[in-house]
Amino acid sequence: ESASVHWDFKKVTLSDEGLYECIAVSSAGTGQAQTFFDVSEPPPIIQVPTNVTVAPGERAVLVCLVISAVDYNLTWQRNGRDIRLADSARIRTLANLSLELRSVKTGDAGEYRCMVSN
């Protein structure tokens, strides 16, 4: 005879990760097999609170809120390029990873992307 047995995890957590062993015992003997269950973190969740509008010469701060259970890397992009390659005297990433643009110029207007990976 043969059988198929399944173990369903209703809600997977990091603590479920590890080595699992299945042992089958019958009158014909004992069989066993092992498998490693790898739990990967989901990608970070990004929330952008609002668009930012300022007058030329003012300071703008672009915020990107990140929800992640593990460490992540955050970069800001504009026109598909890393913002760190721009005018570093006026544009910088703050300690909370928000993007600060000082003395905003009309040419600074446009779409900025917050890119996050873990």
PDB file of N, CA and C in Angstrom:
ATOM      1  N   GLU A   1       0.827  -1.189   0.000  1.00  0.00           N
ATOM      2  CA  GLU A   1       0.000   0.000   0.000  1.00  0.00           C
ATOM      3  C   GLU A   1       0.866   1.245   0.000  1.00  0.00           C
ATOM      4  N   SER A   2       0.327   2.308  -0.523  1.00  0.00           N
ATOM      5  CA  SER A   2       1.024   3.582  -0.458  1.00  0.00           C
ATOM      6  C   SER A   2       0.056   4.638   0.034  1.00  0.00           C
ATOM      7  N   ALA A   3       0.617   5.728   0.500  1.00  0.00           N
ATOM      8  CA  ALA A   3      -0.207   6.826   1.012  1.00  0.00           C
ATOM      9  C   ALA A   3       0.507   8.141   0.731  1.00  0.00           C
ATOM     10  N   SER A   4      -0.264   9.183   0.772  1.00  0.00           N
ATOM     11  CA  SER A   4       0.282  10.517   0.614  1.00  0.00           C
ATOM     12  C   SER A   4      -0.158  11.345   1.815  1.00  0.00           C
ATOM     13  N   VAL A   5       0.791  11.968   2.447  1.00  0.00           N
ATOM     14  CA  VAL A   5       0.498  12.758   3.644  1.00  0.00           C
ATOM     15  C   VAL A   5       0.982  14.182   3.411  1.00  0.00           C
ATOM     16  N   HIS A   6       0.188  15.157   3.809  1.00  0.00           N
ATOM     17  CA  HIS A   6       0.538  16.570   3.655  1.00  0.00           C
ATOM     18  C   HIS A   6       0.503  17.249   5.013  1.00  0.00           C
ATOM     19  N   TRP A   7       1.380  18.202   5.193  1.00  0.00           N
ATOM     20  CA  TRP A   7       1.365  19.027   6.396  1.00  0.00           C
ATOM     21  C   TRP A   7       1.156  20.459   5.917  1.00  0.00           C
ATOM     22  N   ASP A   8       0.007  21.028   6.217  1.00  0.00           N
ATOM     23  CA  ASP A   8      -0.320  22.382   5.783  1.00  0.00           C
ATOM     24  C   ASP A   8      -0.007  23.383   6.887  1.00  0.00           C
ATOM     25  N   PHE A   9       0.664  24.445   6.512  1.00  0.00           N
ATOM     26  CA  PHE A   9       0.930  25.546   7.437  1.00  0.00           C
ATOM     27  C   PHE A   9      -0.148  26.596   7.181  1.00  0.00           C
ATOM     28  N   LYS A  10      -0.956  26.895   8.167  1.00  0.00           N
ATOM     29  CA  LYS A  10      -2.045  27.867   7.995  1.00  0.00           C
ATOM     30  C   LYS A  10      -1.512  29.288   7.841  1.00  0.00           C
ATOM     31  N   LYS A  11      -0.508  29.625   8.645  1.00  0.00           N
ATOM     32  CA  LYS A  11       0.110  30.946   8.556  1.00  0.00           C
ATOM     33  C   LYS A  11       1.608  30.774   8.814  1.00  0.00           C
ATOM     34  N   VAL A  12       2.393  30.882   7.764  1.00  0.00           N
ATOM     35  CA  VAL A  12       3.836  30.652   7.858  1.00  0.00           C
ATOM     36  C   VAL A  12       4.515  31.825   8.551  1.00  0.00           C
ATOM     37  N   THR A  13       5.417  31.510   9.478  1.00  0.00           N
ATOM     38  CA  THR A  13       6.242  32.523  10.143  1.00  0.00           C
ATOM     39  C   THR A  13       7.703  32.125  10.004  1.00  0.00           C
ATOM     40  N   LEU A  14       8.598  33.037  10.305  1.00  0.00           N
ATOM     41  CA  LEU A  14      10.030  32.745  10.223  1.00  0.00           C
ATOM     42  C   LEU A  14      10.430  31.578  11.115  1.00  0.00           C
ATOM     43  N   SER A  15       9.728  31.410  12.238  1.00  0.00           N
ATOM     44  CA  SER A  15      10.082  30.321  13.164  1.00  0.00           C
ATOM     45  C   SER A  15       9.742  28.943  12.586  1.00  0.00           C
ATOM     46  N   ASP A  16       8.964  28.879  11.502  1.00  0.00           N
ATOM     47  CA  ASP A  16       8.658  27.597  10.860  1.00  0.00           C
ATOM     48  C   ASP A  16       9.814  27.083  10.003  1.00  0.00           C
ATOM     49  N   GLU A  17      10.763  27.957   9.697  1.00  0.00           N
ATOM     50  CA  GLU A  17      11.880  27.551   8.846  1.00  0.00           C
ATOM     51  C   GLU A  17      12.731  26.512   9.551  1.00  0.00           C
ATOM     52  N   GLY A  18      13.186  25.520   8.794  1.00  0.00           N
ATOM     53  CA  GLY A  18      14.087  24.524   9.366  1.00  0.00           C
ATOM     54  C   GLY A  18      13.980  23.185   8.678  1.00  0.00           C
ATOM     55  N   LEU A  19      14.642  22.218   9.271  1.00  0.00           N
ATOM     56  CA  LEU A  19      14.697  20.859   8.750  1.00  0.00           C
ATOM     57  C   LEU A  19      13.496  20.076   9.272  1.00  0.00           C
ATOM     58  N   TYR A  20      12.796  19.408   8.368  1.00  0.00           N
ATOM     59  CA  TYR A  20      11.648  18.575   8.725  1.00  0.00           C
ATOM     60  C   TYR A  20      11.935  17.147   8.283  1.00  0.00           C
ATOM     61  N   GLU A  21      11.464  16.197   9.104  1.00  0.00           N
ATOM     62  CA  GLU A  21      11.693  14.786   8.811  1.00  0.00           C
ATOM     63  C   GLU A  21      10.364  14.039   8.837  1.00  0.00           C
ATOM     64  N   CYS A  22      10.177  13.187   7.841  1.00  0.00           N
ATOM     65  CA  CYS A  22       8.991  12.339   7.768  1.00  0.00           C
ATOM     66  C   CYS A  22       9.456  10.897   7.991  1.00  0.00           C
ATOM     67  N   ILE A  23       8.826  10.224   8.931  1.00  0.00           N
ATOM     68  CA  ILE A  23       9.170   8.834   9.226  1.00  0.00           C
ATOM     69  C   ILE A  23       7.911   7.986   9.038  1.00  0.00           C
ATOM     70  N   ALA A  24       8.010   6.975   8.198  1.00  0.00           N
ATOM     71  CA  ALA A  24       6.897   6.055   7.958  1.00  0.00           C
ATOM     72  C   ALA A  24       7.285   4.674   8.479  1.00  0.00           C
ATOM     73  N   VAL A  25       6.402   4.100   9.279  1.00  0.00           N
ATOM     74  CA  VAL A  25       6.654   2.781   9.863  1.00  0.00           C
ATOM     75  C   VAL A  25       5.539   1.838   9.444  1.00  0.00           C
ATOM     76  N   SER A  26       5.915   0.662   8.945  1.00  0.00           N
ATOM     77  CA  SER A  26       4.923  -0.359   8.579  1.00  0.00           C
ATOM     78  C   SER A  26       5.484  -1.729   8.950  1.00  0.00           C
ATOM     79  N   SER A  27       4.708  -2.755   8.693  1.00  0.00           N
ATOM     80  CA  SER A  27       5.176  -4.109   8.989  1.00  0.00           C
ATOM     81  C   SER A  27       6.363  -4.494   8.110  1.00  0.00           C
ATOM     82  N   ALA A  28       6.551  -3.785   6.994  1.00  0.00           N
ATOM     83  CA  ALA A  28       7.667  -4.065   6.092  1.00  0.00           C
ATOM     84  C   ALA A  28       8.943  -3.338   6.498  1.00  0.00           C
ATOM     85  N   GLY A  29       8.846  -2.416   7.455  1.00  0.00           N
ATOM     86  CA  GLY A  29      10.032  -1.687   7.892  1.00  0.00           C
ATOM     87  C   GLY A  29       9.762  -0.205   8.090  1.00  0.00           C
ATOM     88  N   THR A  30      10.838   0.545   8.145  1.00  0.00           N
ATOM     89  CA  THR A  30      10.771   1.980   8.402  1.00  0.00           C
ATOM     90  C   THR A  30      11.465   2.736   7.270  1.00  0.00           C
ATOM     91  N   GLY A  31      10.856   3.805   6.852  1.00  0.00           N
ATOM     92  CA  GLY A  31      11.458   4.693   5.854  1.00  0.00           C
ATOM     93  C   GLY A  31      11.435   6.118   6.363  1.00  0.00           C
ATOM     94  N   GLN A  32      12.389   6.894   5.946  1.00  0.00           N
ATOM     95  CA  GLN A  32      12.411   8.296   6.381  1.00  0.00           C
ATOM     96  C   GLN A  32      12.980   9.181   5.293  1.00  0.00           C
ATOM     97  N   ALA A  33      12.586  10.434   5.336  1.00  0.00           N
ATOM     98  CA  ALA A  33      13.080  11.437   4.390  1.00  0.00           C
ATOM     99  C   ALA A  33      13.117  12.777   5.106  1.00  0.00           C
ATOM    100  N   GLN A  34      14.043  13.627   4.671  1.00  0.00           N
ATOM    101  CA  GLN A  34      14.175  14.961   5.263  1.00  0.00           C
ATOM    102  C   GLN A  34      14.045  16.008   4.171  1.00  0.00           C
ATOM    103  N   THR A  35      13.564  17.162   4.581  1.00  0.00           N
ATOM    104  CA  THR A  35      13.504  18.306   3.678  1.00  0.00           C
ATOM    105  C   THR A  35      13.729  19.577   4.491  1.00  0.00           C
ATOM    106  N   PHE A  36      14.261  20.597   3.844  1.00  0.00           N
ATOM    107  CA  PHE A  36      14.459  21.890   4.510  1.00  0.00           C
ATOM    108  C   PHE A  36      13.376  22.835   4.019  1.00  0.00           C
ATOM    109  N   PHE A  37      12.673  23.443   4.947  1.00  0.00           N
ATOM    110  CA  PHE A  37      11.612  24.400   4.635  1.00  0.00           C
ATOM    111  C   PHE A  37      12.204  25.799   4.769  1.00  0.00           C
ATOM    112  N   ASP A  38      12.326  26.497   3.650  1.00  0.00           N
ATOM    113  CA  ASP A  38      12.933  27.831   3.609  1.00  0.00           C
ATOM    114  C   ASP A  38      11.826  28.890   3.581  1.00  0.00           C
ATOM    115  N   VAL A  39      11.868  29.806   4.536  1.00  0.00           N
ATOM    116  CA  VAL A  39      10.867  30.872   4.606  1.00  0.00           C
ATOM    117  C   VAL A  39      11.525  32.167   4.142  1.00  0.00           C
ATOM    118  N   SER A  40      11.022  32.735   3.071  1.00  0.00           N
ATOM    119  CA  SER A  40      11.554  33.991   2.541  1.00  0.00           C
ATOM    120  C   SER A  40      10.638  35.136   2.942  1.00  0.00           C
ATOM    121  N   GLU A  41      11.243  36.261   3.205  1.00  0.00           N
ATOM    122  CA  GLU A  41      10.462  37.454   3.538  1.00  0.00           C
ATOM    123  C   GLU A  41       9.790  37.997   2.288  1.00  0.00           C
ATOM    124  N   PRO A  42       8.597  38.515   2.433  1.00  0.00           N
ATOM    125  CA  PRO A  42       7.959  39.164   1.282  1.00  0.00           C
ATOM    126  C   PRO A  42       8.692  40.465   0.957  1.00  0.00           C
ATOM    127  N   PRO A  43       8.500  40.978  -0.242  1.00  0.00           N
ATOM    128  CA  PRO A  43       9.143  42.257  -0.573  1.00  0.00           C
ATOM    129  C   PRO A  43       8.619  43.369   0.336  1.00  0.00           C
ATOM    130  N   PRO A  44       9.413  44.412   0.521  1.00  0.00           N
ATOM    131  CA  PRO A  44       8.968  45.523   1.371  1.00  0.00           C
ATOM    132  C   PRO A  44       7.714  46.188   0.810  1.00  0.00           C
ATOM    133  N   ILE A  45       6.927  46.749   1.712  1.00  0.00           N
ATOM    134  CA  ILE A  45       5.747  47.524   1.326  1.00  0.00           C
ATOM    135  C   ILE A  45       6.134  48.996   1.372  1.00  0.00           C
ATOM    136  N   ILE A  46       5.826  49.723   0.325  1.00  0.00           N
ATOM    137  CA  ILE A  46       6.190  51.139   0.236  1.00  0.00           C
ATOM    138  C   ILE A  46       4.928  51.984   0.257  1.00  0.00           C
ATOM    139  N   GLN A  47       4.952  53.017   1.077  1.00  0.00           N
ATOM    140  CA  GLN A  47       3.849  53.974   1.119  1.00  0.00           C
ATOM    141  C   GLN A  47       4.409  55.375   0.921  1.00  0.00           C
ATOM    142  N   VAL A  48       3.840  56.100  -0.013  1.00  0.00           N
ATOM    143  CA  VAL A  48       4.230  57.487  -0.246  1.00  0.00           C
ATOM    144  C   VAL A  48       3.055  58.341   0.229  1.00  0.00           C
ATOM    145  N   PRO A  49       3.253  59.115   1.298  1.00  0.00           N
ATOM    146  CA  PRO A  49       2.137  59.842   1.904  1.00  0.00           C
ATOM    147  C   PRO A  49       1.411  60.811   0.979  1.00  0.00           C
ATOM    148  N   THR A  50       2.143  61.595   0.203  1.00  0.00           N
ATOM    149  CA  THR A  50       1.496  62.622  -0.609  1.00  0.00           C
ATOM    150  C   THR A  50       2.481  63.191  -1.624  1.00  0.00           C
ATOM    151  N   ASN A  51       1.945  63.834  -2.655  1.00  0.00           N
ATOM    152  CA  ASN A  51       2.792  64.590  -3.574  1.00  0.00           C
ATOM    153  C   ASN A  51       3.277  65.839  -2.853  1.00  0.00           C
ATOM    154  N   VAL A  52       4.384  66.375  -3.306  1.00  0.00           N
ATOM    155  CA  VAL A  52       4.975  67.561  -2.666  1.00  0.00           C
ATOM    156  C   VAL A  52       4.998  68.701  -3.669  1.00  0.00           C
ATOM    157  N   THR A  53       4.518  69.857  -3.230  1.00  0.00           N
ATOM    158  CA  THR A  53       4.538  71.057  -4.069  1.00  0.00           C
ATOM    159  C   THR A  53       5.186  72.179  -3.275  1.00  0.00           C
ATOM    160  N   VAL A  54       6.207  72.794  -3.860  1.00  0.00           N
ATOM    161  CA  VAL A  54       6.863  73.937  -3.221  1.00  0.00           C
ATOM    162  C   VAL A  54       7.162  74.988  -4.289  1.00  0.00           C
ATOM    163  N   ALA A  55       7.408  76.195  -3.837  1.00  0.00           N
ATOM    164  CA  ALA A  55       7.782  77.282  -4.746  1.00  0.00           C
ATOM    165  C   ALA A  55       9.292  77.259  -4.979  1.00  0.00           C
ATOM    166  N   PRO A  56       9.746  77.774  -6.122  1.00  0.00           N
ATOM    167  CA  PRO A  56      11.192  77.841  -6.376  1.00  0.00           C
ATOM    168  C   PRO A  56      11.910  78.551  -5.224  1.00  0.00           C
ATOM    169  N   GLY A  57      13.078  77.998  -4.870  1.00  0.00           N
ATOM    170  CA  GLY A  57      13.875  78.559  -3.785  1.00  0.00           C
ATOM    171  C   GLY A  57      13.588  77.927  -2.433  1.00  0.00           C
ATOM    172  N   GLU A  58      12.442  77.249  -2.308  1.00  0.00           N
ATOM    173  CA  GLU A  58      12.098  76.613  -1.038  1.00  0.00           C
ATOM    174  C   GLU A  58      12.760  75.245  -0.915  1.00  0.00           C
ATOM    175  N   ARG A  59      12.560  74.641   0.232  1.00  0.00           N
ATOM    176  CA  ARG A  59      13.089  73.310   0.531  1.00  0.00           C
ATOM    177  C   ARG A  59      11.961  72.292   0.376  1.00  0.00           C
ATOM    178  N   ALA A  60      12.270  71.155  -0.250  1.00  0.00           N
ATOM    179  CA  ALA A  60      11.291  70.075  -0.398  1.00  0.00           C
ATOM    180  C   ALA A  60      11.853  68.812   0.243  1.00  0.00           C
ATOM    181  N   VAL A  61      10.979  68.080   0.914  1.00  0.00           N
ATOM    182  CA  VAL A  61      11.362  66.796   1.491  1.00  0.00           C
ATOM    183  C   VAL A  61      10.375  65.745   0.977  1.00  0.00           C
ATOM    184  N   LEU A  62      10.905  64.751   0.265  1.00  0.00           N
ATOM    185  CA  LEU A  62      10.097  63.659  -0.267  1.00  0.00           C
ATOM    186  C   LEU A  62      10.232  62.471   0.678  1.00  0.00           C
ATOM    187  N   VAL A  63       9.093  61.944   1.113  1.00  0.00           N
ATOM    188  CA  VAL A  63       9.082  60.871   2.109  1.00  0.00           C
ATOM    189  C   VAL A  63       8.652  59.563   1.466  1.00  0.00           C
ATOM    190  N   CYS A  64       9.324  58.500   1.849  1.00  0.00           N
ATOM    191  CA  CYS A  64       9.000  57.151   1.395  1.00  0.00           C
ATOM    192  C   CYS A  64       8.960  56.269   2.637  1.00  0.00           C
ATOM    193  N   LEU A  65       7.758  55.846   3.032  1.00  0.00           N
ATOM    194  CA  LEU A  65       7.612  54.997   4.205  1.00  0.00           C
ATOM    195  C   LEU A  65       7.739  53.536   3.779  1.00  0.00           C
ATOM    196  N   VAL A  66       8.595  52.790   4.485  1.00  0.00           N
ATOM    197  CA  VAL A  66       8.861  51.398   4.132  1.00  0.00           C
ATOM    198  C   VAL A  66       8.481  50.498   5.296  1.00  0.00           C
ATOM    199  N   ILE A  67       7.733  49.443   4.986  1.00  0.00           N
ATOM    200  CA  ILE A  67       7.385  48.437   5.986  1.00  0.00           C
ATOM    201  C   ILE A  67       8.065  47.145   5.573  1.00  0.00           C
ATOM    202  N   SER A  68       8.990  46.679   6.423  1.00  0.00           N
ATOM    203  CA  SER A  68       9.736  45.460   6.125  1.00  0.00           C
ATOM    204  C   SER A  68      10.193  44.827   7.430  1.00  0.00           C
ATOM    205  N   ALA A  69      10.104  43.513   7.497  1.00  0.00           N
ATOM    206  CA  ALA A  69      10.527  42.790   8.704  1.00  0.00           C
ATOM    207  C   ALA A  69      12.036  42.589   8.738  1.00  0.00           C
ATOM    208  N   VAL A  70      12.711  42.821   7.629  1.00  0.00           N
ATOM    209  CA  VAL A  70      14.163  42.643   7.557  1.00  0.00           C
ATOM    210  C   VAL A  70      14.810  43.920   7.030  1.00  0.00           C
ATOM    211  N   ASP A  71      16.116  44.002   7.143  1.00  0.00           N
ATOM    212  CA  ASP A  71      16.853  45.164   6.638  1.00  0.00           C
ATOM    213  C   ASP A  71      16.608  45.323   5.137  1.00  0.00           C
ATOM    214  N   TYR A  72      16.683  46.554   4.678  1.00  0.00           N
ATOM    215  CA  TYR A  72      16.440  46.834   3.268  1.00  0.00           C
ATOM    216  C   TYR A  72      17.361  47.950   2.797  1.00  0.00           C
ATOM    217  N   ASN A  73      17.472  48.062   1.489  1.00  0.00           N
ATOM    218  CA  ASN A  73      18.217  49.142   0.855  1.00  0.00           C
ATOM    219  C   ASN A  73      17.222  50.054   0.154  1.00  0.00           C
ATOM    220  N   LEU A  74      17.411  51.357   0.299  1.00  0.00           N
ATOM    221  CA  LEU A  74      16.529  52.332  -0.326  1.00  0.00           C
ATOM    222  C   LEU A  74      17.365  53.294  -1.156  1.00  0.00           C
ATOM    223  N   THR A  75      16.945  53.509  -2.383  1.00  0.00           N
ATOM    224  CA  THR A  75      17.581  54.514  -3.240  1.00  0.00           C
ATOM    225  C   THR A  75      16.485  55.348  -3.898  1.00  0.00           C
ATOM    226  N   TRP A  76      16.832  56.582  -4.193  1.00  0.00           N
ATOM    227  CA  TRP A  76      15.919  57.491  -4.885  1.00  0.00           C
ATOM    228  C   TRP A  76      16.378  57.612  -6.331  1.00  0.00           C
ATOM    229  N   GLN A  77      15.409  57.596  -7.251  1.00  0.00           N
ATOM    230  CA  GLN A  77      15.719  57.744  -8.665  1.00  0.00           C
ATOM    231  C   GLN A  77      14.876  58.844  -9.293  1.00  0.00           C
ATOM    232  N   ARG A  78      15.457  59.444 -10.317  1.00  0.00           N
ATOM    233  CA  ARG A  78      14.742  60.422 -11.137  1.00  0.00           C
ATOM    234  C   ARG A  78      15.168  60.174 -12.567  1.00  0.00           C
ATOM    235  N   ASN A  79      14.197  60.051 -13.449  1.00  0.00           N
ATOM    236  CA  ASN A  79      14.470  59.748 -14.864  1.00  0.00           C
ATOM    237  C   ASN A  79      15.298  58.472 -15.023  1.00  0.00           C
ATOM    238  N   GLY A  80      15.035  57.490 -14.139  1.00  0.00           N
ATOM    239  CA  GLY A  80      15.725  56.200 -14.222  1.00  0.00           C
ATOM    240  C   GLY A  80      17.160  56.201 -13.735  1.00  0.00           C
ATOM    241  N   ARG A  81      17.615  57.310 -13.158  1.00  0.00           N
ATOM    242  CA  ARG A  81      19.002  57.405 -12.680  1.00  0.00           C
ATOM    243  C   ARG A  81      19.037  57.633 -11.184  1.00  0.00           C
ATOM    244  N   ASP A  82      20.043  57.089 -10.558  1.00  0.00           N
ATOM    245  CA  ASP A  82      20.238  57.257  -9.119  1.00  0.00           C
ATOM    246  C   ASP A  82      20.402  58.741  -8.808  1.00  0.00           C
ATOM    247  N   ILE A  83      19.610  59.241  -7.885  1.00  0.00           N
ATOM    248  CA  ILE A  83      19.615  60.670  -7.555  1.00  0.00           C
ATOM    249  C   ILE A  83      20.952  61.099  -6.936  1.00  0.00           C
ATOM    250  N   ARG A  84      21.715  60.125  -6.411  1.00  0.00           N
ATOM    251  CA  ARG A  84      23.017  60.469  -5.819  1.00  0.00           C
ATOM    252  C   ARG A  84      23.991  61.014  -6.853  1.00  0.00           C
ATOM    253  N   LEU A  85      23.691  60.801  -8.130  1.00  0.00           N
ATOM    254  CA  LEU A  85      24.549  61.320  -9.194  1.00  0.00           C
ATOM    255  C   LEU A  85      24.203  62.762  -9.549  1.00  0.00           C
ATOM    256  N   ALA A  86      23.172  63.298  -8.914  1.00  0.00           N
ATOM    257  CA  ALA A  86      22.717  64.668  -9.193  1.00  0.00           C
ATOM    258  C   ALA A  86      23.526  65.672  -8.367  1.00  0.00           C
ATOM    259  N   ASP A  87      23.018  66.876  -8.272  1.00  0.00           N
ATOM    260  CA  ASP A  87      23.656  67.993  -7.569  1.00  0.00           C
ATOM    261  C   ASP A  87      23.714  67.725  -6.065  1.00  0.00           C
ATOM    262  N   SER A  88      24.836  67.174  -5.597  1.00  0.00           N
ATOM    263  CA  SER A  88      24.950  66.793  -4.183  1.00  0.00           C
ATOM    264  C   SER A  88      24.997  67.994  -3.235  1.00  0.00           C
ATOM    265  N   ALA A  89      25.227  69.183  -3.762  1.00  0.00           N
ATOM    266  CA  ALA A  89      25.224  70.377  -2.911  1.00  0.00           C
ATOM    267  C   ALA A  89      23.794  70.752  -2.509  1.00  0.00           C
ATOM    268  N   ARG A  90      22.822  70.381  -3.325  1.00  0.00           N
ATOM    269  CA  ARG A  90      21.424  70.733  -3.038  1.00  0.00           C
ATOM    270  C   ARG A  90      20.535  69.535  -2.707  1.00  0.00           C
ATOM    271  N   ILE A  91      20.943  68.341  -3.143  1.00  0.00           N
ATOM    272  CA  ILE A  91      20.086  67.159  -2.993  1.00  0.00           C
ATOM    273  C   ILE A  91      20.822  66.122  -2.151  1.00  0.00           C
ATOM    274  N   ARG A  92      20.125  65.636  -1.116  1.00  0.00           N
ATOM    275  CA  ARG A  92      20.752  64.620  -0.262  1.00  0.00           C
ATOM    276  C   ARG A  92      19.682  63.727   0.367  1.00  0.00           C
ATOM    277  N   THR A  93      20.123  62.553   0.794  1.00  0.00           N
ATOM    278  CA  THR A  93      19.253  61.629   1.515  1.00  0.00           C
ATOM    279  C   THR A  93      19.445  61.883   2.998  1.00  0.00           C
ATOM    280  N   LEU A  94      18.349  62.095   3.702  1.00  0.00           N
ATOM    281  CA  LEU A  94      18.402  62.362   5.145  1.00  0.00           C
ATOM    282  C   LEU A  94      18.555  61.066   5.925  1.00  0.00           C
ATOM    283  N   ALA A  95      18.802  61.173   7.227  1.00  0.00           N
ATOM    284  CA  ALA A  95      19.000  60.006   8.087  1.00  0.00           C
ATOM    285  C   ALA A  95      17.800  59.062   8.062  1.00  0.00           C
ATOM    286  N   ASN A  96      16.580  59.602   7.905  1.00  0.00           N
ATOM    287  CA  ASN A  96      15.374  58.763   7.850  1.00  0.00           C
ATOM    288  C   ASN A  96      15.075  58.277   6.428  1.00  0.00           C
ATOM    289  N   LEU A  97      16.041  58.474   5.511  1.00  0.00           N
ATOM    290  CA  LEU A  97      15.986  58.065   4.102  1.00  0.00           C
ATOM    291  C   LEU A  97      15.036  58.880   3.238  1.00  0.00           C
ATOM    292  N   SER A  98      14.493  59.979   3.788  1.00  0.00           N
ATOM    293  CA  SER A  98      13.733  60.925   2.965  1.00  0.00           C
ATOM    294  C   SER A  98      14.706  61.654   2.056  1.00  0.00           C
ATOM    295  N   LEU A  99      14.191  62.195   0.968  1.00  0.00           N
ATOM    296  CA  LEU A  99      15.031  62.931   0.028  1.00  0.00           C
ATOM    297  C   LEU A  99      14.807  64.420   0.221  1.00  0.00           C
ATOM    298  N   GLU A 100      15.883  65.156   0.457  1.00  0.00           N
ATOM    299  CA  GLU A 100      15.804  66.603   0.653  1.00  0.00           C
ATOM    300  C   GLU A 100      16.356  67.309  -0.578  1.00  0.00           C
ATOM    301  N   LEU A 101      15.569  68.262  -1.090  1.00  0.00           N
ATOM    302  CA  LEU A 101      16.014  69.126  -2.174  1.00  0.00           C
ATOM    303  C   LEU A 101      16.012  70.545  -1.628  1.00  0.00           C
ATOM    304  N   ARG A 102      17.189  71.160  -1.554  1.00  0.00           N
ATOM    305  CA  ARG A 102      17.293  72.539  -1.050  1.00  0.00           C
ATOM    306  C   ARG A 102      17.307  73.503  -2.229  1.00  0.00           C
ATOM    307  N   SER A 103      16.789  74.684  -1.989  1.00  0.00           N
ATOM    308  CA  SER A 103      16.746  75.725  -3.029  1.00  0.00           C
ATOM    309  C   SER A 103      16.198  75.156  -4.339  1.00  0.00           C
ATOM    310  N   VAL A 104      14.986  74.654  -4.275  1.00  0.00           N
ATOM    311  CA  VAL A 104      14.352  73.986  -5.407  1.00  0.00           C
ATOM    312  C   VAL A 104      14.309  74.898  -6.635  1.00  0.00           C
ATOM    313  N   LYS A 105      14.600  74.301  -7.790  1.00  0.00           N
ATOM    314  CA  LYS A 105      14.529  74.996  -9.075  1.00  0.00           C
ATOM    315  C   LYS A 105      13.368  74.402  -9.872  1.00  0.00           C
ATOM    316  N   THR A 106      12.855  75.129 -10.841  1.00  0.00           N
ATOM    317  CA  THR A 106      11.747  74.607 -11.651  1.00  0.00           C
ATOM    318  C   THR A 106      12.155  73.326 -12.378  1.00  0.00           C
ATOM    319  N   GLY A 107      13.428  73.197 -12.711  1.00  0.00           N
ATOM    320  CA  GLY A 107      13.925  71.995 -13.378  1.00  0.00           C
ATOM    321  C   GLY A 107      13.906  70.762 -12.484  1.00  0.00           C
ATOM    322  N   ASP A 108      13.705  70.955 -11.169  1.00  0.00           N
ATOM    323  CA  ASP A 108      13.625  69.813 -10.246  1.00  0.00           C
ATOM    324  C   ASP A 108      12.257  69.144 -10.289  1.00  0.00           C
ATOM    325  N   ALA A 109      11.271  69.801 -10.903  1.00  0.00           N
ATOM    326  CA  ALA A 109       9.914  69.243 -10.955  1.00  0.00           C
ATOM    327  C   ALA A 109       9.915  67.928 -11.726  1.00  0.00           C
ATOM    328  N   GLY A 110       9.055  67.033 -11.325  1.00  0.00           N
ATOM    329  CA  GLY A 110       8.932  65.752 -12.037  1.00  0.00           C
ATOM    330  C   GLY A 110       8.725  64.603 -11.084  1.00  0.00           C
ATOM    331  N   GLU A 111       8.854  63.423 -11.643  1.00  0.00           N
ATOM    332  CA  GLU A 111       8.614  62.188 -10.878  1.00  0.00           C
ATOM    333  C   GLU A 111       9.909  61.680 -10.258  1.00  0.00           C
ATOM    334  N   TYR A 112       9.850  61.398  -8.968  1.00  0.00           N
ATOM    335  CA  TYR A 112      10.957  60.809  -8.233  1.00  0.00           C
ATOM    336  C   TYR A 112      10.490  59.433  -7.751  1.00  0.00           C
ATOM    337  N   ARG A 113      11.364  58.448  -7.847  1.00  0.00           N
ATOM    338  CA  ARG A 113      10.997  57.085  -7.443  1.00  0.00           C
ATOM    339  C   ARG A 113      11.819  56.643  -6.241  1.00  0.00           C
ATOM    340  N   CYS A 114      11.110  56.051  -5.312  1.00  0.00           N
ATOM    341  CA  CYS A 114      11.724  55.448  -4.141  1.00  0.00           C
ATOM    342  C   CYS A 114      11.846  53.954  -4.441  1.00  0.00           C
ATOM    343  N   MET A 115      13.072  53.424  -4.540  1.00  0.00           N
ATOM    344  CA  MET A 115      13.294  52.017  -4.863  1.00  0.00           C
ATOM    345  C   MET A 115      13.814  51.300  -3.621  1.00  0.00           C
ATOM    346  N   VAL A 116      13.119  50.219  -3.229  1.00  0.00           N
ATOM    347  CA  VAL A 116      13.468  49.498  -2.017  1.00  0.00           C
ATOM    348  C   VAL A 116      13.636  48.018  -2.341  1.00  0.00           C
ATOM    349  N   SER A 117      14.686  47.415  -1.780  1.00  0.00           N
ATOM    350  CA  SER A 117      14.895  45.966  -1.947  1.00  0.00           C
ATOM    351  C   SER A 117      15.394  45.381  -0.638  1.00  0.00           C
ATOM    352  N   ASN A 118      15.088  44.107  -0.445  1.00  0.00           N
ATOM    353  CA  ASN A 118      15.619  43.401   0.733  1.00  0.00           C
ATOM    354  C   ASN A 118      16.143  42.061   0.302  1.00  0.00           C
TER     355      ASN A 118
END
